[in-house]
Protein backbone atom coordinates (compact mmCIF):
# COMPACT_ATOMS: atom_id res chain seq x y z
CA MET A 1 -124.46 -19.47 -12.41
CA SER A 2 -121.23 -17.49 -12.77
CA ASP A 3 -121.83 -16.94 -16.48
CA ALA A 4 -125.29 -15.54 -15.75
CA VAL A 5 -124.21 -13.27 -12.89
CA GLY A 6 -122.38 -10.05 -13.53
CA PRO A 7 -121.45 -6.85 -11.74
CA GLY A 8 -124.53 -4.84 -10.81
CA ASP A 9 -126.90 -7.83 -10.63
CA LEU A 10 -129.05 -8.43 -7.56
CA VAL A 11 -128.68 -11.73 -5.72
CA LEU A 12 -130.64 -13.20 -2.81
CA CYS A 13 -128.71 -14.79 0.06
CA ILE A 14 -130.18 -18.25 0.67
CA ASN A 15 -127.42 -19.74 2.82
CA ALA A 16 -125.95 -17.87 5.78
CA ALA A 17 -124.36 -21.00 7.27
CA PRO A 18 -120.87 -20.69 8.77
CA ASN A 19 -117.96 -20.41 6.38
CA HIS A 20 -117.30 -23.93 5.05
CA ALA A 21 -113.54 -23.35 4.90
CA THR A 22 -112.93 -21.80 8.35
CA GLY A 23 -116.13 -22.61 10.27
CA ARG A 24 -116.52 -18.98 11.39
CA PRO A 25 -119.92 -17.26 11.22
CA VAL A 26 -120.54 -15.13 8.15
CA PRO A 27 -121.84 -11.54 8.16
CA LEU A 28 -124.42 -12.34 5.45
CA VAL A 29 -128.13 -12.44 6.31
CA ALA A 30 -130.38 -15.09 4.77
CA GLY A 31 -133.23 -13.49 2.85
CA GLU A 32 -131.33 -10.23 2.22
CA THR A 33 -130.56 -9.01 -1.29
CA TYR A 34 -127.08 -7.91 -2.27
CA ARG A 35 -125.68 -6.18 -5.35
CA VAL A 36 -122.79 -8.01 -7.00
CA VAL A 37 -119.62 -5.91 -7.16
CA ALA A 38 -117.44 -8.48 -8.94
CA VAL A 39 -117.40 -12.11 -10.04
CA MET A 40 -114.11 -13.94 -9.53
CA GLU A 41 -113.43 -17.25 -11.24
CA TYR A 42 -112.38 -19.67 -8.51
CA ALA A 43 -112.90 -23.39 -8.00
CA CYS A 44 -114.40 -23.39 -4.52
CA PRO A 45 -113.26 -26.19 -2.16
CA CYS A 46 -116.90 -27.25 -1.70
CA GLY A 47 -116.86 -28.52 -5.29
CA ARG A 48 -120.26 -26.99 -6.11
CA SER A 49 -119.07 -23.59 -7.28
CA ASP A 50 -116.81 -22.23 -9.98
CA ALA A 51 -116.87 -18.59 -8.86
CA LEU A 52 -116.83 -16.29 -5.86
CA LEU A 53 -119.16 -13.30 -5.68
CA ASP A 54 -118.02 -10.05 -4.13
CA VAL A 55 -121.11 -8.37 -2.66
CA GLY A 56 -119.28 -5.71 -0.65
CA VAL A 57 -119.55 -7.60 2.64
CA ASP A 58 -116.26 -8.84 4.07
CA PHE A 59 -114.45 -10.58 1.20
CA ALA A 60 -116.05 -12.80 -1.47
CA TRP A 61 -118.50 -15.64 -1.04
CA CYS A 62 -119.20 -18.94 -2.76
CA GLN A 63 -121.89 -18.45 -5.39
CA THR A 64 -123.88 -21.36 -3.91
CA ARG A 65 -124.93 -19.00 -1.09
CA PHE A 66 -126.91 -16.87 -3.56
CA ARG A 67 -129.68 -17.04 -6.15
CA LEU A 68 -129.87 -14.59 -9.01
CA LEU A 69 -132.92 -12.33 -8.88
CA PRO A 70 -134.68 -11.43 -12.13
CA LYS A 71 -133.93 -8.03 -13.56
CA PRO A 72 -136.73 -5.52 -12.91
CA ARG A 73 -138.92 -4.80 -15.89
CA ALA A 74 -139.11 -1.30 -17.22
CA GLU A 75 -142.20 0.47 -16.00
CA LYS A 76 -144.42 2.23 -18.48
CA LYS A 77 -144.86 5.88 -17.69
CA THR A 78 -147.55 8.05 -19.16
CA ARG A 79 -146.21 11.16 -20.73
CA ARG A 80 -147.99 14.40 -21.27
CA VAL A 81 -147.90 15.57 -24.83
CA SER A 82 -147.73 19.28 -25.15
CA ALA A 83 -149.64 20.53 -28.16
CA PRO A 84 -149.47 24.13 -29.32
CA LYS A 85 -152.44 26.16 -28.18
CA GLU A 86 -154.60 27.47 -30.96
CA LYS A 87 -155.15 31.20 -30.86
CA GLU A 88 -158.22 32.77 -32.29
CA THR A 89 -157.57 35.99 -34.16
CA VAL A 90 -160.12 38.75 -33.59
CA ARG A 91 -160.52 41.58 -36.17
């Protein structure tokens, strides 16, 4: 996933289990979306991850805690076209 995730992407937290290295609770909330600040290449001790994601909460977290959300599609907006008004000349 680290090659697909980049700064500015939105990720969904799917695992708010205690930190697998220290056992302490994490400040992440399952079901919340976070914006990725940075992706750091790091072989996580869990063996399932090759990167840590910095989402601006505490330090950086194993990428296995997140799922990449699809990028929002551009919305079509209707635009008003301004046409010159025709003037009628009176003699």
